[in-house]
Amino acid sequence: SSGINAEYGGAIIRELENEIDLLNSEKYQKNMHVLKELNYLIREVQRLLPDPTAVKYTEQWCIERKQVRTELRTLHVSPFCSTFRTHLMPTLFYRRLSRFAEIYTSNLANLVNYNPSHFRFTPVRQDLPHEM
């Protein structure tokens, strides 16, 4: 099957409203962007500059990365942190949800600005570790 006629699912989970609001907040988005950039820099410098001069850069970036991760963790209200992720791995809840829903929200009203004739919510391809 080519997947052209595949059906896509969605989910409305009201209990996720606080977490989705947090994930969409400007502060969280900014910190996530910084974290991703630091991860990229560390990985690329180690790959491209395997000499001792790279160590001083990566050590500083690792310290900054730890600070950003701590700040992201403190933004969560729940004592269990995120419903979607635990450290680097997606939670069992998220894995189950993603098997059945390509899109999820806490309230159907969140989709009111999307014109159904212009937007298609299709699954995002997940890179496997060897594809990165």
Protein backbone atom coordinates (compact mmCIF):
# COMPACT_ATOMS: atom_id res chain seq x y z
CA SER A 1 0.00 0.00 0.00
CA SER A 2 1.33 3.42 -0.94
CA GLY A 3 -0.27 5.14 2.03
CA ILE A 4 -2.10 7.63 -0.17
CA ASN A 5 -5.47 6.49 1.11
CA ALA A 6 -4.31 6.14 4.71
CA GLU A 7 -6.55 7.49 7.39
CA TYR A 8 -5.16 9.90 9.94
CA GLY A 9 -6.39 10.25 13.46
CA GLY A 10 -6.59 13.03 15.98
CA ALA A 11 -7.12 13.23 19.72
CA ILE A 12 -8.61 15.76 22.10
CA ILE A 13 -7.18 15.32 25.58
CA ARG A 14 -8.35 18.06 27.92
CA GLU A 15 -5.91 17.08 30.67
CA LEU A 16 -3.01 18.22 28.47
CA GLU A 17 -4.06 21.87 28.30
CA ASN A 18 -1.50 23.18 30.81
CA GLU A 19 1.36 21.27 29.26
CA ILE A 20 0.48 22.28 25.71
CA ASP A 21 0.26 25.92 26.83
CA LEU A 22 3.71 25.56 28.40
CA LEU A 23 5.20 23.93 25.29
CA ASN A 24 3.83 26.77 23.16
CA SER A 25 5.05 29.53 25.49
CA GLU A 26 7.72 31.90 24.22
CA LYS A 27 10.07 31.12 27.12
CA TYR A 28 9.87 27.37 26.56
CA GLN A 29 10.29 27.72 22.78
CA LYS A 30 13.32 29.98 23.24
CA ASN A 31 14.97 27.57 25.67
CA MET A 32 14.28 24.60 23.39
CA HIS A 33 15.84 26.46 20.47
CA VAL A 34 18.95 27.24 22.54
CA LEU A 35 19.16 23.61 23.72
CA LYS A 36 18.93 22.26 20.17
CA GLU A 37 21.59 24.69 18.96
CA LEU A 38 23.94 23.78 21.81
CA ASN A 39 23.46 20.08 21.08
CA TYR A 40 24.22 20.71 17.42
CA LEU A 41 27.33 22.76 18.21
CA ILE A 42 28.71 20.19 20.63
CA ARG A 43 28.13 17.34 18.19
CA GLU A 44 29.59 19.17 15.19
CA VAL A 45 32.67 20.55 16.96
CA GLN A 46 33.49 17.09 18.30
CA ARG A 47 33.09 15.65 14.82
CA LEU A 48 34.95 18.34 12.87
CA LEU A 49 37.61 19.41 15.36
CA PRO A 50 38.87 16.33 17.18
CA ASP A 51 41.81 18.24 18.64
CA PRO A 52 42.21 19.50 22.25
CA THR A 53 41.25 23.10 21.36
CA ALA A 54 37.69 21.95 20.78
CA VAL A 55 37.46 20.69 24.36
CA LYS A 56 37.34 24.18 25.88
CA TYR A 57 34.38 25.09 23.66
CA THR A 58 32.46 21.90 24.28
CA GLU A 59 33.01 22.08 28.04
CA GLN A 60 31.50 25.57 28.19
CA TRP A 61 28.60 24.55 25.94
CA CYS A 62 27.94 21.50 28.14
CA ILE A 63 27.66 23.78 31.18
CA GLU A 64 25.24 26.06 29.32
CA ARG A 65 23.29 23.02 28.11
CA LYS A 66 22.87 21.77 31.66
CA GLN A 67 21.61 25.19 32.78
CA VAL A 68 19.06 25.33 29.95
CA ARG A 69 17.84 21.79 30.68
CA THR A 70 17.42 22.68 34.36
CA GLU A 71 15.44 25.79 33.45
CA LEU A 72 13.21 23.78 31.10
CA ARG A 73 12.57 21.26 33.86
CA THR A 74 11.59 23.97 36.35
CA LEU A 75 8.99 25.35 33.93
CA HIS A 76 6.89 22.21 34.34
CA VAL A 77 4.23 22.48 37.03
CA SER A 78 3.81 18.73 37.45
CA PRO A 79 6.22 16.92 39.77
CA PHE A 80 6.55 14.32 37.00
CA CYS A 81 7.74 16.97 34.51
CA SER A 82 6.50 16.36 30.99
CA THR A 83 3.71 14.03 29.97
CA PHE A 84 5.48 13.57 26.64
CA ARG A 85 9.15 13.10 27.51
CA THR A 86 11.34 11.71 30.23
CA HIS A 87 14.91 12.92 29.86
CA LEU A 88 15.80 12.11 26.23
CA MET A 89 13.10 9.53 25.58
CA PRO A 90 9.41 9.88 24.77
CA THR A 91 7.09 8.55 27.47
CA LEU A 92 4.94 5.47 27.02
CA PHE A 93 1.90 7.78 26.97
CA TYR A 94 3.35 9.74 24.04
CA ARG A 95 4.32 6.59 22.14
CA ARG A 96 0.81 5.20 22.48
CA LEU A 97 -0.75 8.52 21.55
CA SER A 98 1.44 8.91 18.46
CA ARG A 99 0.44 5.45 17.23
CA PHE A 100 -3.17 6.54 16.92
CA ALA A 101 -3.09 10.31 16.43
CA GLU A 102 -1.08 12.45 14.05
CA ILE A 103 -2.46 15.57 15.72
CA TYR A 104 -3.59 16.16 19.27
CA THR A 105 -4.91 19.10 21.21
CA SER A 106 -6.50 19.87 24.53
CA ASN A 107 -9.50 21.63 23.02
CA LEU A 108 -11.20 21.45 19.62
CA ALA A 109 -11.41 25.26 19.61
CA ASN A 110 -7.61 25.32 19.15
CA LEU A 111 -8.17 24.23 15.55
CA VAL A 112 -10.67 26.96 14.66
CA ASN A 113 -8.08 29.06 12.76
CA TYR A 114 -7.17 26.15 10.46
CA ASN A 115 -9.10 26.06 7.21
CA PRO A 116 -9.75 22.36 6.45
CA SER A 117 -9.36 22.94 2.71
CA HIS A 118 -5.85 24.40 3.13
CA PHE A 119 -4.32 22.37 5.96
CA ARG A 120 -3.51 18.68 5.97
CA PHE A 121 -2.22 17.21 9.17
CA THR A 122 0.00 14.37 8.08
CA PRO A 123 2.46 12.34 10.12
CA VAL A 124 5.96 13.72 10.52
CA ARG A 125 8.69 11.33 9.48
CA GLN A 126 10.74 10.30 12.49
CA ASP A 127 14.45 9.99 11.74
CA LEU A 128 16.05 6.76 12.84
CA PRO A 129 19.40 7.09 14.62
CA HIS A 130 21.37 5.90 11.58
CA GLU A 131 19.62 8.46 9.34
CA MET A 132 20.72 11.52 11.30
